Protein backbone atom coordinates (compact mmCIF):
# COMPACT_ATOMS: atom_id res chain seq x y z
CA MET A 1 -2.65 85.47 100.19
CA ALA A 2 -2.26 83.83 96.79
CA VAL A 3 -5.32 82.12 95.36
CA PRO A 4 -4.47 78.66 93.98
CA THR A 5 -5.48 77.82 90.44
CA PHE A 6 -4.62 74.13 90.59
CA VAL A 7 -5.55 71.89 93.51
CA ASP A 8 -4.86 68.15 93.45
CA ARG A 9 -5.62 67.16 97.04
CA VAL A 10 -8.55 68.14 99.26
CA THR A 11 -10.40 66.82 102.28
CA LEU A 12 -14.12 66.81 101.56
CA SER A 13 -16.85 66.55 104.21
CA VAL A 14 -20.05 65.10 102.78
CA SER A 15 -23.47 64.58 104.36
CA ALA A 16 -26.25 62.62 102.72
CA GLY A 17 -29.85 63.70 103.20
CA ARG A 18 -31.98 62.46 106.07
CA GLY A 19 -35.00 60.31 105.29
CA GLY A 20 -38.41 61.85 105.91
CA ASN A 21 -40.55 60.69 108.83
CA GLY A 22 -43.56 58.49 108.35
CA VAL A 23 -46.88 59.78 109.65
CA ALA A 24 -49.55 58.22 111.87
CA SER A 25 -52.92 59.14 110.40
CA VAL A 26 -56.48 57.74 110.43
CA HIS A 27 -58.76 57.92 107.40
CA ARG A 28 -61.56 60.44 107.93
CA GLU A 29 -64.79 60.02 106.04
CA LYS A 30 -68.45 60.53 106.86
CA PHE A 31 -70.11 57.46 108.38
CA LYS A 32 -66.73 55.70 108.66
CA PRO A 33 -65.48 56.30 112.21
CA LEU A 34 -62.89 53.53 111.76
CA GLY A 35 -61.63 54.24 108.27
CA GLY A 36 -58.28 52.63 109.10
CA PRO A 37 -54.68 53.89 109.09
CA ASP A 38 -53.65 55.89 106.04
CA GLY A 39 -50.34 57.49 107.04
CA GLY A 40 -47.81 57.74 104.19
CA ASN A 41 -44.11 56.90 104.23
CA GLY A 42 -41.29 59.41 104.39
CA GLY A 43 -39.17 59.92 101.30
CA PRO A 44 -35.54 58.74 101.21
CA GLY A 45 -32.80 61.33 101.57
CA GLY A 46 -30.53 62.25 98.69
CA SER A 47 -27.15 60.55 98.28
CA VAL A 48 -23.78 62.17 97.56
CA ILE A 49 -22.29 60.88 94.30
CA LEU A 50 -18.85 61.48 92.77
CA ARG A 51 -18.85 61.38 88.97
CA VAL A 52 -15.92 61.78 86.56
CA ASP A 53 -16.40 64.78 84.27
CA PRO A 54 -13.90 65.19 81.39
CA ASP A 55 -14.40 68.97 81.49
CA VAL A 56 -13.10 69.20 85.07
CA THR A 57 -9.31 69.24 85.49
CA THR A 58 -8.80 70.32 89.10
CA LEU A 59 -10.26 69.96 92.59
CA LEU A 60 -10.28 73.71 93.10
CA ASP A 61 -14.05 73.95 93.75
CA TYR A 62 -13.79 71.62 96.73
CA HIS A 63 -10.81 73.56 98.08
CA HIS A 64 -13.06 76.62 98.43
CA SER A 65 -16.21 74.70 99.51
CA PRO A 66 -15.13 71.56 101.36
CA ARG A 67 -18.55 70.81 102.90
CA ARG A 68 -21.35 69.43 100.76
CA LYS A 69 -24.86 68.25 101.75
CA ALA A 70 -27.56 66.41 99.85
CA GLU A 71 -31.26 67.19 100.13
CA HIS A 72 -33.44 65.71 102.87
CA GLY A 73 -36.42 63.51 102.08
CA GLY A 74 -39.94 64.84 102.57
CA HIS A 75 -42.23 63.71 105.39
CA GLY A 76 -45.22 61.49 104.73
CA ALA A 77 -48.81 62.75 104.92
CA GLY A 78 -52.32 61.40 105.40
CA ASP A 79 -54.33 59.68 102.68
CA ARG A 80 -51.30 57.42 101.99
CA ARG A 81 -49.26 60.26 100.48
CA ASN A 82 -45.53 59.49 100.57
CA GLY A 83 -42.87 62.13 101.07
CA ALA A 84 -40.76 63.40 98.20
CA HIS A 85 -37.37 61.86 97.48
CA GLY A 86 -34.43 64.04 98.39
CA ALA A 87 -32.40 65.07 95.34
CA ASP A 88 -29.00 63.40 94.96
CA LEU A 89 -25.95 65.64 95.05
CA VAL A 90 -23.65 64.84 92.12
CA LEU A 91 -20.11 66.20 92.47
CA ALA A 92 -17.97 66.38 89.34
CA VAL A 93 -14.34 65.31 89.71
CA PRO A 94 -11.54 65.08 87.14
CA ALA A 95 -10.41 61.79 85.64
CA GLY A 96 -7.73 60.19 87.79
CA THR A 97 -9.28 61.09 91.15
CA VAL A 98 -8.53 58.65 93.97
CA VAL A 99 -11.05 58.62 96.84
CA LYS A 100 -9.58 57.66 100.22
CA GLU A 101 -10.61 57.53 103.83
CA ARG A 102 -8.72 59.67 106.30
CA ASN A 103 -6.61 56.68 107.33
CA GLY A 104 -5.45 56.20 103.73
CA THR A 105 -7.74 53.29 102.78
CA VAL A 106 -8.64 53.59 99.09
CA ILE A 107 -12.39 53.65 98.48
CA ALA A 108 -12.34 54.08 94.69
CA ASP A 109 -10.09 55.05 91.80
CA LEU A 110 -12.10 57.06 89.28
CA VAL A 111 -10.47 57.11 85.86
CA ALA A 112 -12.93 56.62 82.98
CA PRO A 113 -15.29 59.49 82.09
CA GLY A 114 -18.77 58.91 83.46
CA THR A 115 -17.58 56.62 86.25
CA GLU A 116 -19.41 57.34 89.48
CA ILE A 117 -19.58 56.13 93.05
CA VAL A 118 -22.02 56.77 95.89
CA ILE A 119 -19.81 57.81 98.79
CA ALA A 120 -22.63 58.79 101.18
CA GLN A 121 -25.94 56.94 101.06
CA GLY A 122 -29.11 58.86 101.82
CA GLY A 123 -31.17 57.81 104.83
CA ARG A 124 -34.23 55.64 104.38
CA GLY A 125 -37.63 57.16 104.88
CA GLY A 126 -39.69 56.06 107.88
CA LEU A 127 -42.76 53.90 107.38
CA GLY A 128 -46.20 55.40 108.00
CA ASN A 129 -48.81 53.56 110.04
CA ALA A 130 -50.53 52.37 106.83
CA SER A 131 -47.42 50.33 105.98
CA LEU A 132 -47.07 49.10 109.56
CA ALA A 133 -50.63 47.71 109.69
CA SER A 134 -51.03 43.92 109.63
CA LYS A 135 -53.61 41.29 110.51
CA THR A 136 -52.60 41.41 114.15
CA ARG A 137 -51.84 45.14 114.29
CA LYS A 138 -54.70 46.74 112.41
CA ALA A 139 -54.50 50.29 113.73
CA PRO A 140 -50.93 51.35 114.66
CA GLY A 141 -50.93 54.63 116.50
CA PHE A 142 -47.32 55.38 115.59
CA ALA A 143 -44.97 55.71 112.64
CA LEU A 144 -41.24 55.26 112.15
CA LEU A 145 -38.75 58.09 111.94
CA GLY A 146 -36.52 58.63 108.93
CA GLU A 147 -32.92 57.49 109.17
CA PRO A 148 -30.09 60.02 109.10
CA GLY A 149 -27.90 60.02 106.01
CA GLU A 150 -24.29 58.96 106.09
CA GLU A 151 -21.70 61.56 107.06
CA LEU A 152 -17.99 61.13 106.46
CA ASP A 153 -14.79 62.88 105.49
CA VAL A 154 -13.00 61.68 102.37
CA VAL A 155 -9.68 62.66 100.85
CA LEU A 156 -9.67 63.32 97.12
CA GLU A 157 -6.30 63.00 95.39
CA LEU A 158 -5.86 63.82 91.74
CA LYS A 159 -3.36 61.73 89.80
CA VAL A 160 -3.10 63.16 86.32
CA VAL A 161 -3.94 60.59 83.66
CA ALA A 162 -0.94 60.87 81.32
CA ASP A 163 0.92 58.34 79.16
CA ILE A 164 4.42 59.81 79.51
CA GLY A 165 5.90 61.58 82.52
CA LEU A 166 8.80 64.04 82.29
CA VAL A 167 11.10 64.17 85.30
CA GLY A 168 14.18 66.22 85.95
CA PHE A 169 15.74 69.05 87.92
CA PRO A 170 14.18 72.52 87.82
CA SER A 171 15.04 74.48 84.65
CA ALA A 172 16.07 71.29 82.82
CA GLY A 173 13.65 72.21 80.04
CA LYS A 174 10.61 70.01 80.75
CA SER A 175 8.07 72.79 80.10
CA SER A 176 9.97 73.87 76.99
CA LEU A 177 9.89 70.29 75.70
CA ILE A 178 6.12 70.04 76.20
CA ALA A 179 5.67 73.34 74.39
CA ALA A 180 7.87 72.09 71.52
CA ILE A 181 6.07 68.78 70.95
CA SER A 182 2.47 69.85 71.68
CA ARG A 183 0.21 72.89 71.67
CA ALA A 184 0.49 73.34 75.43
CA ARG A 185 1.88 76.71 76.46
CA PRO A 186 3.25 76.43 80.00
CA LYS A 187 5.10 79.21 81.75
CA ILE A 188 8.79 79.22 80.75
CA ALA A 189 11.54 81.31 82.35
CA ASP A 190 15.27 81.12 83.13
CA TYR A 191 14.92 80.59 86.89
CA PRO A 192 14.07 77.49 88.97
CA PHE A 193 10.53 76.50 89.97
CA THR A 194 8.78 78.39 87.19
CA THR A 195 6.40 75.43 86.93
CA LEU A 196 4.21 75.24 90.02
CA VAL A 197 1.56 72.83 88.70
CA PRO A 198 1.73 69.77 86.43
CA ASN A 199 1.51 70.63 82.73
CA LEU A 200 -0.24 68.39 80.23
CA GLY A 201 0.33 68.28 76.51
CA VAL A 202 -1.30 66.17 73.79
CA VAL A 203 1.19 64.73 71.28
CA THR A 204 0.51 62.99 67.95
CA ALA A 205 2.98 60.57 66.36
CA GLY A 206 1.54 58.96 63.25
CA ASP A 207 -1.67 57.18 64.23
CA ILE A 208 -0.97 57.34 67.96
CA THR A 209 -2.07 60.22 70.16
CA PHE A 210 -0.89 60.36 73.75
CA THR A 211 -0.49 62.80 76.64
CA VAL A 212 2.69 64.01 78.28
CA ALA A 213 2.96 65.50 81.78
CA ASP A 214 5.84 67.01 83.70
CA VAL A 215 6.53 66.97 87.44
CA PRO A 216 7.57 70.40 88.71
CA GLY A 217 10.30 71.03 91.22
CA LEU A 218 11.84 67.56 91.54
CA ILE A 219 15.13 67.95 93.44
CA GLU A 220 17.24 65.91 95.82
CA GLY A 221 15.23 65.17 98.96
CA ALA A 222 11.86 65.46 97.19
CA ALA A 223 10.68 62.15 98.69
CA GLU A 224 11.08 63.78 102.15
CA GLY A 225 9.17 66.88 101.10
CA ARG A 226 11.89 69.18 99.78
CA GLY A 227 10.95 71.40 96.88
CA LEU A 228 7.66 70.78 95.08
CA GLY A 229 8.29 67.29 93.74
CA HIS A 230 6.90 65.50 96.79
CA ASP A 231 3.48 67.06 96.17
CA PHE A 232 3.40 66.15 92.49
CA LEU A 233 5.15 62.79 92.22
CA ARG A 234 1.74 61.12 92.38
CA HIS A 235 0.97 62.50 88.93
CA ILE A 236 3.40 60.14 87.21
CA GLU A 237 2.12 56.98 88.93
CA ARG A 238 -0.20 56.24 86.00
CA CYS A 239 2.39 56.92 83.26
CA ALA A 240 3.44 54.11 80.94
CA ALA A 241 7.02 55.45 80.74
CA LEU A 242 9.28 58.11 82.24
CA VAL A 243 11.55 60.47 80.31
CA HIS A 244 14.54 61.93 82.13
CA VAL A 245 15.12 65.44 80.84
CA LEU A 246 18.78 66.22 81.67
CA ASP A 247 20.29 69.69 81.45
CA THR A 248 23.59 69.61 79.51
CA ALA A 249 24.22 73.35 79.83
CA THR A 250 23.61 74.03 83.52
CA LEU A 251 25.59 76.84 85.12
CA GLU A 252 25.43 75.34 88.61
CA PRO A 253 28.87 74.12 89.77
CA GLY A 254 29.33 70.43 90.50
CA ARG A 255 26.39 69.25 88.37
CA ASN A 256 26.49 66.98 85.35
CA PRO A 257 23.83 64.93 83.52
CA VAL A 258 24.91 61.55 84.95
CA ASP A 259 24.81 62.75 88.54
CA ASP A 260 21.44 64.44 87.93
CA LEU A 261 20.09 61.13 86.60
CA ASP A 262 21.33 59.25 89.67
CA VAL A 263 19.75 61.79 92.04
CA ILE A 264 16.36 61.68 90.31
CA GLU A 265 16.39 57.87 90.14
CA ASP A 266 17.17 57.70 93.85
CA GLU A 267 14.19 59.95 94.62
CA LEU A 268 11.90 57.82 92.42
CA ARG A 269 13.12 54.69 94.17
CA ARG A 270 12.46 56.17 97.59
CA TYR A 271 8.99 57.29 96.49
CA GLY A 272 8.26 53.72 95.31
CA GLY A 273 6.03 52.09 92.77
CA LEU A 274 7.82 53.28 89.62
CA GLU A 275 10.55 50.67 89.24
CA ASP A 276 8.83 48.80 86.40
CA ARG A 277 8.30 51.81 84.11
CA PRO A 278 10.47 52.03 80.98
CA ARG A 279 12.96 54.93 80.91
CA LEU A 280 14.07 57.24 78.15
CA VAL A 281 16.78 59.89 78.47
CA ALA A 282 16.64 63.25 76.72
CA LEU A 283 19.90 65.27 76.80
CA ASN A 284 18.45 68.74 76.40
CA LYS A 285 20.01 72.04 75.27
CA VAL A 286 22.41 70.59 72.71
CA ASP A 287 21.88 73.80 70.71
CA VAL A 288 24.29 75.43 73.20
CA PRO A 289 27.95 74.71 72.28
CA ASP A 290 28.93 73.60 75.79
CA GLY A 291 25.77 71.53 76.00
CA ARG A 292 26.53 69.52 72.89
CA GLY A 293 30.05 68.84 74.11
CA ILE A 294 28.87 67.56 77.50
CA ALA A 295 26.20 65.41 75.80
CA GLU A 296 28.85 63.74 73.64
CA LEU A 297 30.90 62.99 76.77
CA VAL A 298 28.13 61.23 78.72
CA ILE A 299 26.01 59.61 75.99
CA GLU A 300 28.03 56.41 75.82
CA GLU A 301 28.04 55.96 79.60
CA LEU A 302 24.26 56.29 79.67
CA ARG A 303 23.83 53.81 76.83
CA GLU A 304 26.01 51.32 78.65
CA ARG A 305 23.38 51.34 81.39
CA GLY A 306 20.86 50.07 78.85
CA LEU A 307 19.08 53.41 78.41
CA ARG A 308 17.79 54.84 75.13
CA VAL A 309 19.35 58.29 74.87
CA PHE A 310 18.28 61.18 72.60
CA GLU A 311 20.15 64.42 72.04
CA ILE A 312 17.50 67.12 71.72
CA SER A 313 16.97 70.86 71.77
CA ALA A 314 13.55 72.04 72.93
CA VAL A 315 14.34 75.45 71.44
CA SER A 316 15.40 74.43 67.93
CA GLY A 317 13.42 71.17 67.79
CA GLU A 318 16.50 69.05 67.06
CA GLY A 319 15.99 65.40 67.97
CA THR A 320 12.41 65.91 69.25
CA ARG A 321 10.84 63.93 66.38
CA GLU A 322 12.85 60.80 67.21
CA LEU A 323 11.97 61.21 70.88
CA ILE A 324 8.26 61.56 70.06
CA TYR A 325 8.18 58.31 68.08
CA ALA A 326 10.10 56.48 70.80
CA MET A 327 7.47 57.64 73.31
CA ALA A 328 4.67 56.55 70.96
CA GLU A 329 6.20 53.11 70.59
CA ILE A 330 6.20 52.56 74.36
CA VAL A 331 2.64 53.90 74.70
CA ALA A 332 1.34 51.62 71.93
CA GLU A 333 2.94 48.58 73.54
CA ALA A 334 1.50 49.48 76.96
CA ARG A 335 -1.98 49.91 75.50
CA ARG A 336 -1.82 46.52 73.77
CA ALA A 337 -0.76 44.85 77.00
CA LYS A 338 -3.54 46.57 78.92
CA ALA A 339 -6.16 45.47 76.39
CA ALA A 340 -5.00 41.87 76.72
CA GLU A 341 -5.33 41.85 80.51
CA ILE A 342 -7.97 39.50 81.92
CA PRO A 343 -10.46 41.35 84.13
CA ALA A 344 -10.14 40.55 87.79
CA ARG A 345 -12.58 37.94 89.01
CA ILE A 346 -15.16 39.24 91.45
CA VAL A 347 -15.67 36.94 94.42
CA VAL A 348 -18.95 37.26 96.31
CA ARG A 349 -18.88 35.94 99.86
CA PRO A 350 -22.42 35.76 101.27
CA LYS A 351 -23.05 35.86 104.99
CA ALA A 352 -23.24 32.63 106.91
CA PHE A 353 -26.66 31.02 107.03
CA ASP A 354 -26.88 31.15 110.83
CA ASP A 355 -25.78 34.79 111.08
CA ASP A 356 -28.18 36.43 113.54
CA GLY A 357 -27.22 39.93 112.48
CA PHE A 358 -26.01 41.23 115.85
CA THR A 359 -23.53 40.64 118.63
CA VAL A 360 -23.82 41.15 122.38
CA LYS A 361 -20.88 41.80 124.66
CA ARG A 362 -20.55 42.93 128.23
CA THR A 363 -18.83 46.26 128.93
CA GLY A 364 -18.34 48.44 131.95
CA ALA A 365 -21.41 50.48 131.03
CA GLY A 366 -23.63 47.42 130.54
CA TRP A 367 -24.58 44.99 127.80
CA ARG A 368 -23.82 46.48 124.39
CA VAL A 369 -25.81 45.24 121.37
CA VAL A 370 -24.03 45.84 118.06
CA GLY A 371 -25.70 45.15 114.73
CA THR A 372 -27.05 46.86 111.65
CA LYS A 373 -30.68 46.00 112.28
CA PRO A 374 -30.91 46.85 116.01
CA GLU A 375 -29.08 50.14 115.50
CA ARG A 376 -31.27 51.08 112.55
CA TRP A 377 -34.45 50.19 114.43
CA VAL A 378 -33.41 52.38 117.37
CA ARG A 379 -32.82 55.32 115.04
CA GLN A 380 -36.29 54.84 113.55
CA THR A 381 -38.10 54.81 116.91
CA ASP A 382 -39.99 57.77 118.34
CA PHE A 383 -39.35 57.27 122.06
CA SER A 384 -42.07 59.75 123.00
CA ASN A 385 -44.66 57.25 121.75
CA ASP A 386 -45.28 54.20 123.96
CA GLU A 387 -46.65 52.15 121.08
CA ALA A 388 -43.52 52.83 119.03
CA VAL A 389 -41.34 51.71 121.95
CA GLY A 390 -43.44 48.56 122.30
CA TYR A 391 -43.05 47.89 118.58
CA LEU A 392 -39.27 48.22 118.95
CA ALA A 393 -39.35 45.74 121.82
CA ASP A 394 -41.30 43.28 119.66
CA ARG A 395 -38.80 43.60 116.81
CA LEU A 396 -35.79 43.10 119.07
CA ASN A 397 -37.44 40.11 120.70
CA ARG A 398 -38.21 38.48 117.34
CA LEU A 399 -34.61 39.06 116.25
CA GLY A 400 -33.45 37.13 119.32
CA VAL A 401 -31.80 39.92 121.31
CA GLU A 402 -33.68 39.12 124.52
CA ALA A 403 -32.91 35.39 124.27
CA LYS A 404 -29.22 36.17 123.66
CA LEU A 405 -29.06 38.45 126.69
CA LEU A 406 -30.62 35.76 128.90
CA GLU A 407 -28.23 33.19 127.50
CA LEU A 408 -25.22 35.37 128.40
CA GLY A 409 -26.47 35.89 131.96
CA ALA A 410 -28.25 39.23 131.85
CA VAL A 411 -30.74 39.81 134.68
CA GLU A 412 -33.64 42.17 135.07
CA GLY A 413 -32.48 45.74 135.65
CA ASP A 414 -29.18 45.44 133.75
CA ALA A 415 -28.33 48.30 131.39
CA VAL A 416 -28.57 47.44 127.69
CA LEU A 417 -26.96 49.84 125.19
CA ILE A 418 -27.88 49.92 121.50
CA GLY A 419 -26.30 52.33 119.02
CA SER A 420 -22.96 53.99 118.44
CA VAL A 421 -20.58 54.46 121.33
CA ASP A 422 -21.04 58.24 121.32
CA ASP A 423 -24.83 58.22 120.97
CA ALA A 424 -26.16 54.96 122.38
CA VAL A 425 -29.70 54.47 123.72
CA VAL A 426 -29.76 52.84 127.17
CA PHE A 427 -32.56 50.48 128.24
CA ASP A 428 -33.25 48.68 131.51
CA PHE A 429 -33.44 44.98 130.70
CA LYS A 430 -36.86 43.55 131.49
CA PRO A 431 -37.45 40.06 130.12
CA GLY A 432 -40.86 39.29 128.67
CA ILE A 433 -43.46 37.38 130.77
CA ASP A 434 -44.13 33.79 129.78
CA ALA A 435 -47.91 33.94 129.36
CA GLY A 436 -48.47 30.28 128.59
CA ALA A 437 -51.80 29.80 126.83
CA GLU A 438 -52.80 33.41 127.44
CA ASN A 439 -52.89 35.50 124.27
CA LEU A 440 -51.17 38.80 124.96
CA SER A 441 -51.90 41.49 122.38
CA ARG A 442 -49.11 43.48 120.78
CA ARG A 443 -48.57 47.18 120.99
CA GLY A 444 -50.46 49.13 118.38
CA GLU A 445 -53.51 46.89 118.23
CA ASP A 446 -57.02 48.38 118.42
CA ASP A 447 -59.48 46.12 120.26
CA ARG A 448 -62.39 47.83 118.53
CA PHE A 449 -61.54 45.81 115.43
CA HIS A 450 -61.92 42.56 117.41
CA GLU A 451 -65.15 43.43 119.28
CA ALA A 452 -68.64 42.75 117.85
CA ARG A 453 -70.14 46.06 116.73
CA PRO A 454 -73.79 46.17 118.02
CA ALA A 455 -75.09 48.49 115.34
CA ALA A 456 -73.72 46.35 112.54
CA ALA A 457 -75.05 43.19 114.17
CA ARG A 458 -78.52 44.77 114.58
CA ARG A 459 -78.60 45.83 110.94
CA ARG A 460 -77.71 42.32 109.84
CA GLU A 461 -80.45 40.84 112.07
CA ILE A 462 -83.09 43.20 110.69
CA GLN A 463 -82.01 42.44 107.15
CA GLU A 464 -82.36 38.71 107.78
CA GLN A 465 -85.98 39.23 109.04
CA MET A 466 -86.97 41.43 106.11
CA ASP A 467 -87.65 38.40 103.92
CA GLU A 468 -90.10 36.96 106.51
CA ARG A 469 -92.02 40.15 107.26
CA ALA A 470 -95.76 40.56 106.67
CA GLU A 471 -97.00 42.15 103.47
CA ASN A 472 -97.65 45.58 104.98
CA GLU A 473 -94.85 45.48 107.56
CA THR A 474 -92.11 48.11 107.16
CA ARG A 475 -88.44 47.96 108.20
CA ALA A 476 -89.28 49.97 111.31
CA ASP A 477 -91.97 47.41 112.19
CA VAL A 478 -89.40 44.63 111.92
CA ALA A 479 -86.98 46.53 114.15
CA ARG A 480 -89.59 47.17 116.84
CA ARG A 481 -90.83 43.60 116.74
CA LEU A 482 -87.29 42.31 117.17
CA ASP A 483 -86.54 44.70 120.03
CA ARG A 484 -89.78 44.25 122.04
CA PRO A 485 -92.06 41.75 120.35
CA ASP A 486 -94.62 41.59 123.24
CA GLU A 487 -95.10 45.37 123.50
CA TYR A 488 -95.01 46.68 119.92
CA GLY A 489 -96.99 45.65 116.93
CA PRO A 490 -96.81 46.87 113.39
CA THR A 491 -96.98 50.60 112.75
CA SER A 492 -98.93 50.09 109.48
CA TYR A 493 -102.17 48.17 109.11
CA GLU A 494 -105.32 47.90 107.04
CA ILE A 495 -108.27 49.85 108.40
CA GLY A 496 -110.87 47.54 109.85
CA SER A 497 -108.52 44.60 110.15
CA GLU A 498 -107.84 42.82 113.38
CA ASP A 499 -104.62 44.83 113.69
CA ASP A 500 -106.63 48.08 113.63
CA PRO A 501 -106.99 49.21 117.25
CA ASP A 502 -110.05 51.32 116.40
CA ALA A 503 -111.93 48.26 115.09
CA ARG A 504 -111.36 46.29 118.27
CA PRO A 505 -114.58 45.66 120.35
CA VAL A 506 -114.92 47.75 123.48
CA SER A 507 -114.30 45.99 126.75
CA LEU A 508 -115.77 47.00 130.04
CA GLU A 509 -112.37 46.62 131.52
CA ASP A 510 -111.03 49.54 129.53
CA ASP A 511 -109.82 52.19 131.99
CA TRP A 512 -111.02 55.18 130.04
CA LEU A 513 -114.69 54.22 130.46
CA GLU A 514 -114.56 55.02 134.19
CA ASP A 515 -113.62 58.60 133.57
CA ASP A 516 -115.86 59.18 130.57
CA PRO A 517 -117.18 62.74 131.02
CA GLY A 518 -120.15 61.94 128.79
CA GLU A 519 -121.74 59.52 131.27
């Protein structure tokens, strides 16, 4: 099997990186049992970017490796550490690459060096519970998952960026002409279809430098796929002018330059989009005696059609200088007209003010919710975590999904589908309870943050009494007095004072006197 060296059309499958997951973590530190959530966010996935590289001239690399993937984002970690960003995947393409969807819709036309486009956006990283915490949800016990990156198939078509396009029958001398007027050295032989890929040559005429390309294998029926011309006609779509290279010394019976011109023009017309390009005619091979004679017979007829005709010989160089300057004149005029063009005005159409961001419609499978936000939220939810599911329900309710379903007639128990048709998540519709004045807490809240903490309250109470304590009273004395003031006195005292139990007078009612062994 032959290995191609020039590829101008490929189907490329690209996958952007998935965003990293957020993490649910609680700060751990001595003497801080409720240090708070500190889970970091996941890093975003890498995107797939196409960039024009002037050193790249073919799509051959993507012919051999048609599947490309960007790097995934890293997962979050505790102590508010975010995941690493996935590296973007930059794919170099030649100038003149047209990016299309499979249905033929043009996504971008990449011409200028350095031009780039993001064709597959990396997935967003999931939020950790530190980012999900709020005044009403102080300790989320869940985190969000990272979003998957975009995946799609695109068609890359290369349209050679050339100023002049050479068209003509096989063996008319197009490759020989490029070799004669430039330093390009294409394959040249005396049999048809020697040129299997477009050839480019750089030509200088005075102060103007321009490029010339030929279309190989253009024959009658090329617009329907005959020969090779159908595959390469796209390469002359960007040309400022077309040059018909007509063979005046062909050995094929029944052919002549005028008929060849009519056949090629008919194929260009059927291909479409080239009617407005200026035409030049080059009667080639006039160095052959029969060729010069035939050229003299048809030159007047061609000029009567309003065409500029040049008698040339790609072998001897006769007439090529005049042809070069005629090409340069057309190129210079086209460049001046292009520079004077007014850039297209960009119209921005913002979304309507009352756009709720989703639609609900009834299907045979149930109520289907379609919208960027609901679908993204479903992808971010860890359905193995009840708090995460409750958080999703809160978000959908605040967006108005539940109210819309009730408005359209949904009843409890109906199936609600959110997500793509092939991978939708199905819920049983259960409207929220109208609690009236009752304050229902949200999922993810920790009641410990709302309760009075006894130890903290006791410390504050002791601290408040420290300013009113006695001179010799310690903090422990204050604590005991506050706990049981009738039972405990101070643990420190002055010997002989009224607080000294040993200095207290003996009472006959003391119990220990009855059992005194010294009596």
